[in-house]
Amino acid sequence: MTPLEQMKEKAKTVWSDFASMENFTGMAAPQLVRFANINANDRVLDVACGTGVVALTAARSGASVTGADLTPELIKRAKENSKAFELDVDFHECDVEYLPFEDASFDVVVSQFGHMFAPRPLVALGEMLRVLKPKGTIAFSTWPPELFMGSFFRINGRYGPPLPEGAEPPVLWGNVDIVTRRLSSLADNIVFDRNKLIMPGLSVQHIRNDFETGAGPLKRMVEKFSDDPTKLNALRSEIDSSISHYFENNHLRMDYLMTKAQKI
């Protein structure tokens, strides 16, 4: 198994508990669905769909929706959500770098805080555009590197192993210049917008505890340092400091970038 393959296998475990965050991340789903202009006549693919919050939101509009994610536990939860909501969404366990769909199968391809974690951004983007029809819409929400989630992932990166050769940091998908450069030869009519998520919590420490429960990278890091209180306290101190810059009135503000483009 190559280092990149090992990274993907680890990601399945890292994100397996993310279902606990679905009500929170689900608040951003309607924004992406509206931004992508999804309507009842569209065939839609939600890439790195997690528990299906965007896929199910799009399906409510009457669109024909497919969801794809690498992590089996999240696909299982997405199918449970689909059944509970009585919505017909086709969920697949698969890798964004090797999507099991025919060329030009979808009118719209979306991803919310998901495809950005694929180790090879241009490979993932190439696959997303391959399955998109000409003149179809690609739209995604990502975390900017200079804001809270960018600092969150940088902190985790400092305490974790280095990325394998060929992999790039996920938060680069939140940099407008880099996104424009990645899309420019493959799509046009590139549009950006910004929005925010509000995460309620009684204190900085309450917010951090929620992340330790549901945010896979931090949860695994806490487990890793369970026998090393010095490193664990240092990690928590850095996370608390980062949260404190975006915390007020019993909530954490998490700003994100939305990108939309049309396949050439």
Protein backbone atom coordinates (compact mmCIF):
# COMPACT_ATOMS: atom_id res chain seq x y z
CA MET A 1 0.00 0.00 0.00
CA THR A 2 1.40 3.40 -1.01
CA PRO A 3 1.62 6.32 1.46
CA LEU A 4 -1.35 7.98 -0.29
CA GLU A 5 -3.39 4.79 -0.01
CA GLN A 6 -2.46 4.54 3.67
CA MET A 7 -3.60 8.14 4.14
CA LYS A 8 -6.99 7.32 2.64
CA GLU A 9 -7.42 4.22 4.79
CA LYS A 10 -6.61 6.27 7.87
CA ALA A 11 -9.12 8.92 6.78
CA LYS A 12 -11.90 6.32 6.91
CA THR A 13 -11.19 5.84 10.62
CA VAL A 14 -10.50 9.51 11.35
CA TRP A 15 -13.89 10.64 10.01
CA SER A 16 -15.97 7.63 11.09
CA ASP A 17 -17.51 9.51 14.07
CA PHE A 18 -18.42 12.66 12.15
CA ALA A 19 -22.15 11.87 12.29
CA SER A 20 -22.31 13.66 15.64
CA MET A 21 -21.67 16.94 13.79
CA GLU A 22 -24.37 16.53 11.12
CA ASN A 23 -26.93 18.86 12.70
CA PHE A 24 -24.28 21.56 12.85
CA THR A 25 -22.85 21.15 9.33
CA GLY A 26 -26.38 20.60 8.02
CA MET A 27 -27.08 24.29 8.64
CA ALA A 28 -24.74 25.18 5.77
CA ALA A 29 -26.32 22.73 3.32
CA PRO A 30 -29.23 24.95 2.14
CA GLN A 31 -26.75 27.74 1.38
CA LEU A 32 -24.75 25.49 -0.96
CA VAL A 33 -27.86 24.07 -2.62
CA ARG A 34 -29.13 27.59 -3.35
CA PHE A 35 -25.70 28.80 -4.46
CA ALA A 36 -25.49 25.90 -6.94
CA ASN A 37 -28.97 26.74 -8.29
CA ILE A 38 -30.12 23.14 -7.95
CA ASN A 39 -33.63 22.52 -9.21
CA ALA A 40 -36.05 19.64 -9.70
CA ASN A 41 -34.78 18.73 -13.17
CA ASP A 42 -31.13 18.28 -12.15
CA ARG A 43 -29.10 15.13 -11.69
CA VAL A 44 -26.83 15.98 -8.75
CA LEU A 45 -23.72 14.33 -7.30
CA ASP A 46 -22.70 15.19 -3.73
CA VAL A 47 -19.00 14.33 -3.40
CA ALA A 48 -17.59 13.42 0.02
CA CYS A 49 -21.20 13.61 1.16
CA GLY A 50 -20.66 12.49 4.74
CA THR A 51 -24.00 11.72 6.34
CA GLY A 52 -25.85 13.22 3.38
CA VAL A 53 -26.78 16.68 4.64
CA VAL A 54 -26.32 18.36 1.25
CA ALA A 55 -27.59 15.40 -0.77
CA LEU A 56 -30.79 15.20 1.24
CA THR A 57 -31.30 18.96 1.16
CA ALA A 58 -30.94 18.89 -2.63
CA ALA A 59 -33.33 15.93 -2.87
CA ARG A 60 -36.02 17.97 -1.10
CA SER A 61 -36.03 20.26 -4.14
CA GLY A 62 -37.01 17.31 -6.31
CA ALA A 63 -33.57 16.78 -7.85
CA SER A 64 -32.30 13.28 -8.60
CA VAL A 65 -29.37 12.97 -6.17
CA THR A 66 -26.42 10.62 -5.72
CA GLY A 67 -24.05 10.79 -2.75
CA ALA A 68 -20.49 9.46 -2.58
CA ASP A 69 -18.16 9.15 0.39
CA LEU A 70 -15.02 7.24 1.33
CA THR A 71 -16.10 6.35 4.88
CA PRO A 72 -18.47 3.38 5.26
CA GLU A 73 -19.87 4.52 8.61
CA LEU A 74 -20.92 7.84 7.10
CA ILE A 75 -22.56 6.17 4.10
CA LYS A 76 -24.45 3.91 6.48
CA ARG A 77 -25.68 6.96 8.39
CA ALA A 78 -26.58 8.76 5.15
CA LYS A 79 -28.74 5.81 4.09
CA GLU A 80 -30.44 5.85 7.50
CA ASN A 81 -31.11 9.58 7.12
CA SER A 82 -32.51 9.04 3.64
CA LYS A 83 -34.91 6.41 4.95
CA ALA A 84 -35.93 8.57 7.91
CA PHE A 85 -36.59 11.57 5.65
CA GLU A 86 -38.38 9.35 3.09
CA LEU A 87 -36.14 10.68 0.34
CA ASP A 88 -34.74 8.56 -2.48
CA VAL A 89 -31.00 9.26 -2.62
CA ASP A 90 -28.49 6.78 -4.05
CA PHE A 91 -25.44 6.59 -1.77
CA HIS A 92 -22.13 4.98 -2.77
CA GLU A 93 -19.00 4.20 -0.77
CA CYS A 94 -16.20 5.36 -3.06
CA ASP A 95 -13.14 7.55 -3.49
CA VAL A 96 -13.44 11.03 -5.05
CA GLU A 97 -10.20 10.33 -6.92
CA TYR A 98 -11.83 7.28 -8.58
CA LEU A 99 -15.53 8.04 -8.98
CA PRO A 100 -17.51 5.01 -10.29
CA PHE A 101 -19.73 7.03 -12.61
CA GLU A 102 -19.85 7.52 -16.37
CA ASP A 103 -18.53 10.65 -18.03
CA ALA A 104 -20.99 13.56 -18.17
CA SER A 105 -23.51 11.86 -15.85
CA PHE A 106 -24.55 14.86 -13.74
CA ASP A 107 -25.89 18.38 -14.23
CA VAL A 108 -24.46 19.58 -10.90
CA VAL A 109 -21.58 18.33 -8.75
CA VAL A 110 -21.29 19.71 -5.21
CA SER A 111 -19.18 19.15 -2.13
CA GLN A 112 -19.45 20.68 1.34
CA PHE A 113 -16.21 20.65 3.35
CA GLY A 114 -15.50 17.27 1.76
CA HIS A 115 -13.56 16.98 -1.50
CA MET A 116 -10.99 19.35 -0.01
CA PHE A 117 -9.61 16.43 2.03
CA ALA A 118 -8.71 14.35 -1.01
CA PRO A 119 -4.89 14.23 -0.98
CA ARG A 120 -4.44 15.14 -4.67
CA PRO A 121 -6.61 18.16 -5.45
CA LEU A 122 -6.20 18.14 -9.21
CA VAL A 123 -7.04 14.43 -9.41
CA ALA A 124 -10.17 14.95 -7.33
CA LEU A 125 -11.17 18.01 -9.35
CA GLY A 126 -10.56 16.15 -12.59
CA GLU A 127 -12.88 13.35 -11.50
CA MET A 128 -15.59 15.76 -10.36
CA LEU A 129 -15.48 17.51 -13.72
CA ARG A 130 -15.24 14.27 -15.69
CA VAL A 131 -18.64 13.12 -14.40
CA LEU A 132 -20.14 16.59 -14.91
CA LYS A 133 -21.90 17.42 -18.17
CA PRO A 134 -20.46 20.18 -20.39
CA LYS A 135 -21.78 23.54 -19.16
CA GLY A 136 -22.75 21.83 -15.90
CA THR A 137 -22.21 23.48 -12.52
CA ILE A 138 -19.58 22.55 -9.96
CA ALA A 139 -20.02 24.18 -6.54
CA PHE A 140 -18.35 23.63 -3.19
CA SER A 141 -17.87 25.05 0.29
CA THR A 142 -14.40 25.07 1.83
CA TRP A 143 -12.54 26.39 4.85
CA PRO A 144 -10.19 29.38 4.22
CA PRO A 145 -6.67 28.93 5.61
CA GLU A 146 -6.59 32.35 7.34
CA LEU A 147 -9.74 31.83 9.45
CA PHE A 148 -10.75 29.54 12.32
CA MET A 149 -10.88 26.16 10.59
CA GLY A 150 -7.66 26.93 8.77
CA SER A 151 -5.92 27.47 12.10
CA PHE A 152 -7.63 24.37 13.51
CA PHE A 153 -6.17 22.15 10.78
CA ARG A 154 -2.75 23.82 10.99
CA ILE A 155 -2.60 23.03 14.70
CA ASN A 156 -3.58 19.43 14.06
CA GLY A 157 -0.96 19.27 11.33
CA ARG A 158 1.80 20.39 13.68
CA TYR A 159 0.99 17.60 16.12
CA GLY A 160 0.46 14.91 13.50
CA PRO A 161 2.59 13.19 10.86
CA PRO A 162 3.61 15.12 7.73
CA LEU A 163 1.55 14.74 4.59
CA PRO A 164 2.84 12.05 2.22
CA GLU A 165 4.56 13.08 -0.99
CA GLY A 166 2.01 14.18 -3.56
CA ALA A 167 -0.60 15.30 -1.02
CA GLU A 168 -1.54 18.95 -0.47
CA PRO A 169 -3.06 20.71 2.57
CA PRO A 170 -6.87 20.71 2.39
CA VAL A 171 -7.27 24.37 3.37
CA LEU A 172 -5.65 25.50 0.12
CA TRP A 173 -9.14 24.91 -1.31
CA GLY A 174 -10.15 27.96 0.74
CA ASN A 175 -7.67 30.27 -1.01
CA VAL A 176 -9.41 32.19 -3.81
CA ASP A 177 -6.24 32.57 -5.91
CA ILE A 178 -5.39 28.87 -5.70
CA VAL A 179 -8.97 27.79 -6.46
CA THR A 180 -9.05 30.12 -9.46
CA ARG A 181 -5.78 28.69 -10.74
CA ARG A 182 -7.01 25.10 -10.32
CA LEU A 183 -10.26 25.80 -12.15
CA SER A 184 -9.14 28.26 -14.80
CA SER A 185 -8.27 25.81 -17.59
CA LEU A 186 -11.21 23.51 -16.85
CA ALA A 187 -14.14 25.81 -16.10
CA ASP A 188 -15.31 29.37 -16.56
CA ASN A 189 -17.81 31.77 -14.99
CA ILE A 190 -16.07 31.28 -11.64
CA VAL A 191 -18.02 32.93 -8.81
CA PHE A 192 -17.13 33.22 -5.12
CA ASP A 193 -19.24 33.99 -2.09
CA ARG A 194 -18.76 33.79 1.66
CA ASN A 195 -20.97 32.61 4.47
CA LYS A 196 -20.67 31.52 8.07
CA LEU A 197 -21.68 28.80 10.49
CA ILE A 198 -22.50 29.58 14.11
CA MET A 199 -21.65 26.86 16.61
CA PRO A 200 -23.31 27.36 20.02
CA GLY A 201 -21.34 26.67 23.19
CA LEU A 202 -21.21 27.94 26.75
CA SER A 203 -17.46 28.48 26.69
CA VAL A 204 -14.32 27.99 24.65
CA GLN A 205 -13.80 24.71 26.49
CA HIS A 206 -17.33 23.52 25.66
CA ILE A 207 -16.66 24.17 21.97
CA ARG A 208 -13.36 22.32 22.13
CA ASN A 209 -15.04 19.37 23.85
CA ASP A 210 -17.54 19.20 20.97
CA PHE A 211 -14.69 19.10 18.48
CA GLU A 212 -12.92 16.41 20.46
CA THR A 213 -16.06 14.30 20.18
CA GLY A 214 -16.99 14.87 16.54
CA ALA A 215 -14.05 16.33 14.61
CA GLY A 216 -12.06 13.28 13.60
CA PRO A 217 -8.54 14.75 13.37
CA LEU A 218 -8.71 16.32 16.84
CA LYS A 219 -10.42 13.30 18.39
CA ARG A 220 -7.68 10.98 17.13
CA MET A 221 -4.98 13.40 18.30
CA VAL A 222 -6.47 13.48 21.81
CA GLU A 223 -6.52 9.69 21.82
CA LYS A 224 -2.91 9.62 20.62
CA PHE A 225 -1.76 11.85 23.48
CA SER A 226 -3.87 10.20 26.20
CA ASP A 227 -0.67 8.91 27.85
CA ASP A 228 1.27 12.13 27.32
CA PRO A 229 -0.42 14.87 29.38
CA THR A 230 2.21 17.47 28.48
CA LYS A 231 1.53 17.20 24.75
CA LEU A 232 -2.21 16.86 25.30
CA ASN A 233 -2.32 20.04 27.39
CA ALA A 234 -0.22 21.89 24.82
CA LEU A 235 -2.55 20.78 22.02
CA ARG A 236 -5.65 21.80 23.95
CA SER A 237 -4.11 25.14 24.85
CA GLU A 238 -3.45 25.93 21.19
CA ILE A 239 -6.96 24.86 20.17
CA ASP A 240 -8.50 26.97 22.96
CA SER A 241 -6.45 29.97 21.91
CA SER A 242 -7.62 29.62 18.32
CA ILE A 243 -11.27 29.23 19.34
CA SER A 244 -11.08 32.27 21.60
CA HIS A 245 -10.38 34.57 18.64
CA TYR A 246 -13.74 33.63 17.06
CA PHE A 247 -15.83 33.06 20.20
CA GLU A 248 -18.29 35.58 21.63
CA ASN A 249 -21.76 35.61 23.11
CA ASN A 250 -21.76 31.83 23.62
CA HIS A 251 -21.00 30.88 20.04
CA LEU A 252 -18.10 30.19 17.69
CA ARG A 253 -18.14 31.94 14.30
CA MET A 254 -16.82 29.79 11.45
CA ASP A 255 -16.58 31.60 8.12
CA TYR A 256 -16.26 29.65 4.88
CA LEU A 257 -15.79 30.17 1.16
CA MET A 258 -18.24 29.07 -1.53
CA THR A 259 -17.08 28.54 -5.11
CA LYS A 260 -19.18 27.97 -8.23
CA ALA A 261 -18.07 27.46 -11.83
CA GLN A 262 -19.31 26.12 -15.15
CA LYS A 263 -17.53 23.26 -16.88
CA ILE A 264 -16.08 24.22 -20.23
